[in-house]
């Protein structure tokens, strides 16, 4: 452990698997105490036990539906009760939808935006008072990291709802960054934009093609020639969560193997 976020308290949503799990592990490894939230509370609890076995008392798990305001309030109250505050919020929870634009139902459209966008809005809005109080009482800066997607920058013909929600997260992050700066909060807000990463979100394609062919098919779209690993995103979040990025706010960090440069 090199302690890049030593002494910080972080909350990571959607952290029972995939990018959230990798991020929670990374932050805990680098010295943070981590609140692991997910609708899959069994998965979140399993991860918390694993992290606590490595460093006692560094993690707790909470059941958390990011679309519900009362569950956000409960999660933040519990975070303060158990850990004393909050320095880092990672809005990671999200779902995807690959579907022809004319076939998307209003219910599907609203569900994607409720999870992928409204959940981020609620997290930023409700966490800010606790973060501002925590940061003011410490010598450590605050950071909100919103996990968007390269799909929030590059559109796809069959991803309209996902494109829309993730693009909105990108711009929302900038608005939050400017709000915090204007208020004089020592809290930064940035977005991270992954391309294809080897996580359960690719399971549908893997089931159809097999893992090797699925990953190769996606990798052929990426200039570097392969898809990413969860830690590729976790390292990006670690940088933005740490005070190494103290002059970085309102930015989007593309971790996409070069695809957006094409």
Protein backbone atom coordinates (compact mmCIF):
# COMPACT_ATOMS: atom_id res chain seq x y z
CA UNK A 1 0.00 0.00 0.00
CA UNK A 2 1.36 3.37 -1.00
CA UNK A 3 -1.38 5.40 0.67
CA UNK A 4 -2.50 7.61 -2.20
CA UNK A 5 -5.87 8.14 -0.48
CA UNK A 6 -4.69 7.53 3.07
CA UNK A 7 -7.20 8.78 5.63
CA UNK A 8 -9.99 9.40 3.15
CA UNK A 9 -13.52 8.01 3.41
CA UNK A 10 -15.09 6.89 0.14
CA UNK A 11 -18.52 5.69 -0.94
CA UNK A 12 -18.72 3.60 -4.12
CA UNK A 13 -22.08 2.69 -5.63
CA UNK A 14 -22.69 -0.46 -7.63
CA UNK A 15 -19.62 -1.93 -5.98
CA UNK A 16 -20.60 -5.60 -5.65
CA UNK A 17 -18.95 -6.45 -8.98
CA UNK A 18 -17.26 -5.07 -12.06
CA UNK A 19 -15.83 -1.56 -12.09
CA UNK A 20 -17.29 -0.74 -8.69
CA UNK A 21 -15.66 -3.74 -7.06
CA UNK A 22 -12.29 -2.97 -8.65
CA UNK A 23 -12.57 0.66 -7.54
CA UNK A 24 -13.49 -0.23 -3.96
CA UNK A 25 -10.57 -2.66 -3.77
CA UNK A 26 -8.19 -0.06 -5.19
CA UNK A 27 -9.26 2.70 -2.82
CA UNK A 28 -9.07 0.39 0.20
CA UNK A 29 -5.64 -0.85 -0.88
CA UNK A 30 -4.45 2.75 -1.09
CA UNK A 31 -5.56 3.65 2.43
CA UNK A 32 -9.20 4.73 2.24
CA UNK A 33 -12.08 3.46 4.31
CA UNK A 34 -14.76 2.40 1.85
CA UNK A 35 -18.54 2.20 1.96
CA UNK A 36 -19.59 -0.44 -0.56
CA UNK A 37 -23.16 0.03 -1.75
CA UNK A 38 -25.25 -2.05 -4.12
CA UNK A 39 -28.74 -3.47 -4.56
CA UNK A 40 -26.88 -6.81 -4.35
CA UNK A 41 -26.17 -6.55 -0.64
CA UNK A 42 -24.83 -10.13 -0.46
CA UNK A 43 -22.17 -9.33 -3.05
CA UNK A 44 -21.34 -6.05 -1.34
CA UNK A 45 -21.04 -7.77 2.04
CA UNK A 46 -18.77 -10.46 0.60
CA UNK A 47 -16.44 -7.78 -0.76
CA UNK A 48 -16.47 -5.88 2.54
CA UNK A 49 -15.48 -9.06 4.41
CA UNK A 50 -12.63 -9.66 1.98
CA UNK A 51 -11.31 -6.11 2.38
CA UNK A 52 -11.62 -6.22 6.15
CA UNK A 53 -9.65 -9.47 6.20
CA UNK A 54 -6.79 -7.54 4.59
CA UNK A 55 -7.20 -4.40 6.73
CA UNK A 56 -9.55 -4.60 9.66
CA UNK A 57 -12.33 -2.04 9.79
CA UNK A 58 -11.70 -0.52 6.36
CA UNK A 59 -15.01 -1.39 4.73
CA UNK A 60 -18.74 -1.61 5.31
CA UNK A 61 -21.50 -2.76 2.97
CA UNK A 62 -24.96 -1.25 2.53
CA UNK A 63 -27.98 -2.15 0.43
CA UNK A 64 -28.61 0.84 -1.79
CA UNK A 65 -30.91 1.55 -4.72
CA UNK A 66 -29.44 4.72 -6.23
CA UNK A 67 -32.78 5.77 -7.73
CA UNK A 68 -34.35 6.22 -4.27
CA UNK A 69 -33.69 9.45 -2.39
CA UNK A 70 -34.43 7.95 1.02
CA UNK A 71 -31.88 5.18 0.48
CA UNK A 72 -29.27 7.78 -0.45
CA UNK A 73 -30.03 9.65 2.77
CA UNK A 74 -29.82 6.44 4.80
CA UNK A 75 -26.50 5.47 3.18
CA UNK A 76 -24.97 8.88 3.92
CA UNK A 77 -26.23 8.89 7.50
CA UNK A 78 -24.73 5.44 8.05
CA UNK A 79 -21.46 6.49 6.41
CA UNK A 80 -21.14 9.41 8.83
CA UNK A 81 -22.19 7.27 11.80
CA UNK A 82 -19.67 4.52 11.14
CA UNK A 83 -16.76 6.41 9.55
CA UNK A 84 -17.32 10.02 10.60
CA UNK A 85 -17.71 11.72 7.22
CA UNK A 86 -17.11 11.47 3.48
CA UNK A 87 -14.31 12.72 1.21
CA UNK A 88 -14.85 10.73 -1.99
CA UNK A 89 -18.04 9.78 -3.82
CA UNK A 90 -17.83 7.42 -6.78
CA UNK A 91 -21.12 7.27 -8.68
CA UNK A 92 -20.55 3.98 -10.48
CA UNK A 93 -23.91 2.17 -10.42
CA UNK A 94 -25.37 1.83 -13.88
CA UNK A 95 -27.06 -0.41 -16.41
CA UNK A 96 -26.94 -0.65 -20.18
CA UNK A 97 -29.47 -1.12 -22.95
CA UNK A 98 -28.67 -2.18 -26.50
CA UNK A 99 -31.80 -1.75 -28.56
CA UNK A 100 -32.97 -0.20 -31.80
CA UNK A 101 -34.10 3.38 -31.17
CA UNK A 102 -37.64 2.88 -32.47
CA UNK A 103 -38.04 -0.21 -30.29
CA UNK A 104 -37.18 1.45 -26.98
CA UNK A 105 -40.22 1.76 -24.74
CA UNK A 106 -40.83 4.78 -22.56
CA UNK A 107 -40.51 2.52 -19.52
CA UNK A 108 -37.06 1.36 -20.68
CA UNK A 109 -35.99 4.94 -21.45
CA UNK A 110 -37.04 6.09 -17.99
CA UNK A 111 -35.37 3.13 -16.26
CA UNK A 112 -32.00 3.77 -17.94
CA UNK A 113 -32.12 7.46 -17.06
CA UNK A 114 -33.34 6.78 -13.51
CA UNK A 115 -30.34 4.57 -12.74
CA UNK A 116 -27.61 6.03 -14.93
CA UNK A 117 -28.46 9.73 -14.56
CA UNK A 118 -30.93 10.38 -11.73
CA UNK A 119 -28.85 8.20 -9.40
CA UNK A 120 -25.81 10.37 -10.13
CA UNK A 121 -27.81 13.56 -9.58
CA UNK A 122 -29.10 12.31 -6.22
CA UNK A 123 -25.64 11.20 -5.13
CA UNK A 124 -23.99 14.51 -5.97
CA UNK A 125 -26.78 16.64 -4.48
CA UNK A 126 -27.24 14.70 -1.25
CA UNK A 127 -23.58 13.94 -0.55
CA UNK A 128 -22.30 17.50 -0.95
CA UNK A 129 -23.29 18.79 2.52
CA UNK A 130 -21.56 15.89 4.27
CA UNK A 131 -18.54 16.11 1.99
CA UNK A 132 -18.21 19.87 2.51
CA UNK A 133 -18.37 19.42 6.27
CA UNK A 134 -15.84 16.57 6.23
CA UNK A 135 -13.39 18.35 3.96
CA UNK A 136 -13.57 21.56 5.98
CA UNK A 137 -12.70 19.65 9.14
CA UNK A 138 -9.71 17.89 7.57
CA UNK A 139 -6.68 18.67 5.47
CA UNK A 140 -7.87 16.34 2.73
CA UNK A 141 -9.63 17.44 -0.44
CA UNK A 142 -12.97 16.13 -1.60
CA UNK A 143 -13.69 14.46 -4.92
CA UNK A 144 -16.76 13.28 -6.80
CA UNK A 145 -16.01 10.83 -9.61
CA UNK A 146 -18.90 10.02 -11.92
CA UNK A 147 -18.52 6.95 -14.09
CA UNK A 148 -19.89 7.88 -17.50
CA UNK A 149 -18.85 5.99 -20.65
CA UNK A 150 -17.21 6.55 -23.97
CA UNK A 151 -20.82 6.12 -25.11
CA UNK A 152 -21.46 9.48 -23.51
CA UNK A 153 -19.15 10.98 -26.14
CA UNK A 154 -19.49 8.63 -29.14
CA UNK A 155 -23.04 7.67 -30.12
CA UNK A 156 -24.23 4.30 -31.35
CA UNK A 157 -27.21 3.48 -33.56
CA UNK A 158 -28.59 1.00 -31.02
CA UNK A 159 -27.72 2.72 -27.72
CA UNK A 160 -29.82 5.88 -27.69
CA UNK A 161 -31.02 5.68 -24.07
CA UNK A 162 -27.57 4.77 -22.76
CA UNK A 163 -25.90 7.44 -24.94
CA UNK A 164 -28.33 10.04 -23.66
CA UNK A 165 -27.91 9.21 -19.98
CA UNK A 166 -24.13 8.92 -20.09
CA UNK A 167 -23.75 12.14 -22.10
CA UNK A 168 -25.86 13.89 -19.47
CA UNK A 169 -23.59 12.55 -16.71
CA UNK A 170 -20.63 14.14 -18.48
CA UNK A 171 -22.26 17.58 -18.54
CA UNK A 172 -23.79 17.23 -15.07
CA UNK A 173 -20.29 16.58 -13.73
CA UNK A 174 -19.12 19.90 -15.16
CA UNK A 175 -22.07 21.74 -13.62
CA UNK A 176 -21.36 20.19 -10.22
CA UNK A 177 -17.67 21.10 -10.56
CA UNK A 178 -18.53 24.74 -11.25
CA UNK A 179 -21.06 24.83 -8.43
CA UNK A 180 -18.50 23.55 -5.93
CA UNK A 181 -15.89 26.02 -7.15
CA UNK A 182 -18.31 28.95 -6.90
CA UNK A 183 -19.32 27.92 -3.36
CA UNK A 184 -15.69 27.65 -2.32
CA UNK A 185 -15.95 23.96 -1.51
CA UNK A 186 -12.66 22.11 -1.72
CA UNK A 187 -14.51 19.45 -3.70
CA UNK A 188 -13.79 18.58 -7.31
CA UNK A 189 -16.06 16.73 -9.72
CA UNK A 190 -14.95 14.83 -12.82
CA UNK A 191 -16.23 12.09 -15.09
CA UNK A 192 -14.52 8.92 -16.30
CA UNK A 193 -15.33 7.45 -19.72
CA UNK A 194 -14.46 3.77 -20.20
CA UNK A 195 -14.70 1.83 -23.43
CA UNK A 196 -15.29 -1.96 -23.40
CA UNK A 197 -14.04 -3.42 -20.12
CA UNK A 198 -13.95 -7.09 -19.11
CA UNK A 199 -16.83 -6.97 -16.62
CA UNK A 200 -20.24 -8.71 -16.32
CA UNK A 201 -21.80 -6.03 -18.54
CA UNK A 202 -20.34 -8.00 -21.47
CA UNK A 203 -21.85 -11.31 -20.34
CA UNK A 204 -24.59 -11.28 -22.97
CA UNK A 205 -22.09 -11.12 -25.82
CA UNK A 206 -19.83 -13.65 -24.11
CA UNK A 207 -22.72 -16.11 -23.85
CA UNK A 208 -23.43 -15.77 -27.57
CA UNK A 209 -19.88 -15.85 -28.93
CA UNK A 210 -17.68 -17.28 -26.19
CA UNK A 211 -15.31 -15.20 -24.13
CA UNK A 212 -12.32 -15.27 -26.47
CA UNK A 213 -14.28 -14.35 -29.61
CA UNK A 214 -16.42 -11.74 -27.80
CA UNK A 215 -13.40 -9.94 -26.41
CA UNK A 216 -11.58 -10.17 -29.74
CA UNK A 217 -14.60 -8.77 -31.62
CA UNK A 218 -14.77 -5.76 -29.31
CA UNK A 219 -11.01 -5.39 -29.25
CA UNK A 220 -10.92 -4.99 -33.02
CA UNK A 221 -12.82 -1.71 -32.59
CA UNK A 222 -10.16 -0.31 -30.22
CA UNK A 223 -6.92 1.19 -31.62
CA UNK A 224 -4.83 -0.55 -28.95
CA UNK A 225 -6.28 -3.83 -30.17
CA UNK A 226 -7.87 -5.16 -26.98
CA UNK A 227 -10.51 -4.34 -24.39
CA UNK A 228 -9.68 -2.97 -20.96
CA UNK A 229 -9.47 -4.49 -17.50
CA UNK A 230 -11.37 -3.24 -14.43
CA UNK A 231 -8.20 -1.92 -12.82
CA UNK A 232 -7.64 0.35 -15.82
CA UNK A 233 -10.69 2.28 -14.64
CA UNK A 234 -9.93 1.86 -10.94
CA UNK A 235 -6.54 3.54 -11.41
CA UNK A 236 -8.22 6.47 -13.15
CA UNK A 237 -10.66 6.83 -10.27
CA UNK A 238 -7.80 6.57 -7.78
CA UNK A 239 -6.02 9.48 -9.43
CA UNK A 240 -9.14 11.64 -9.38
CA UNK A 241 -9.96 10.64 -5.80
CA UNK A 242 -6.48 11.49 -4.58
CA UNK A 243 -5.07 14.94 -3.94
CA UNK A 244 -2.67 14.34 -6.84
CA UNK A 245 -5.51 15.71 -9.00
CA UNK A 246 -6.17 18.75 -6.79
CA UNK A 247 -6.22 21.11 -9.83
CA UNK A 248 -8.44 18.87 -11.98
CA UNK A 249 -12.17 19.58 -11.97
CA UNK A 250 -14.92 19.62 -14.56
CA UNK A 251 -12.85 17.32 -16.76
CA UNK A 252 -13.59 14.04 -18.51
CA UNK A 253 -10.96 11.32 -18.36
CA UNK A 254 -11.29 8.99 -21.34
CA UNK A 255 -9.94 5.49 -20.69
CA UNK A 256 -10.80 4.10 -24.08
CA UNK A 257 -7.77 2.59 -25.79
CA UNK A 258 -7.76 5.47 -28.26
CA UNK A 259 -11.21 4.89 -29.76
CA UNK A 260 -12.31 8.51 -29.30
CA UNK A 261 -9.23 9.70 -31.21
CA UNK A 262 -10.42 8.05 -34.41
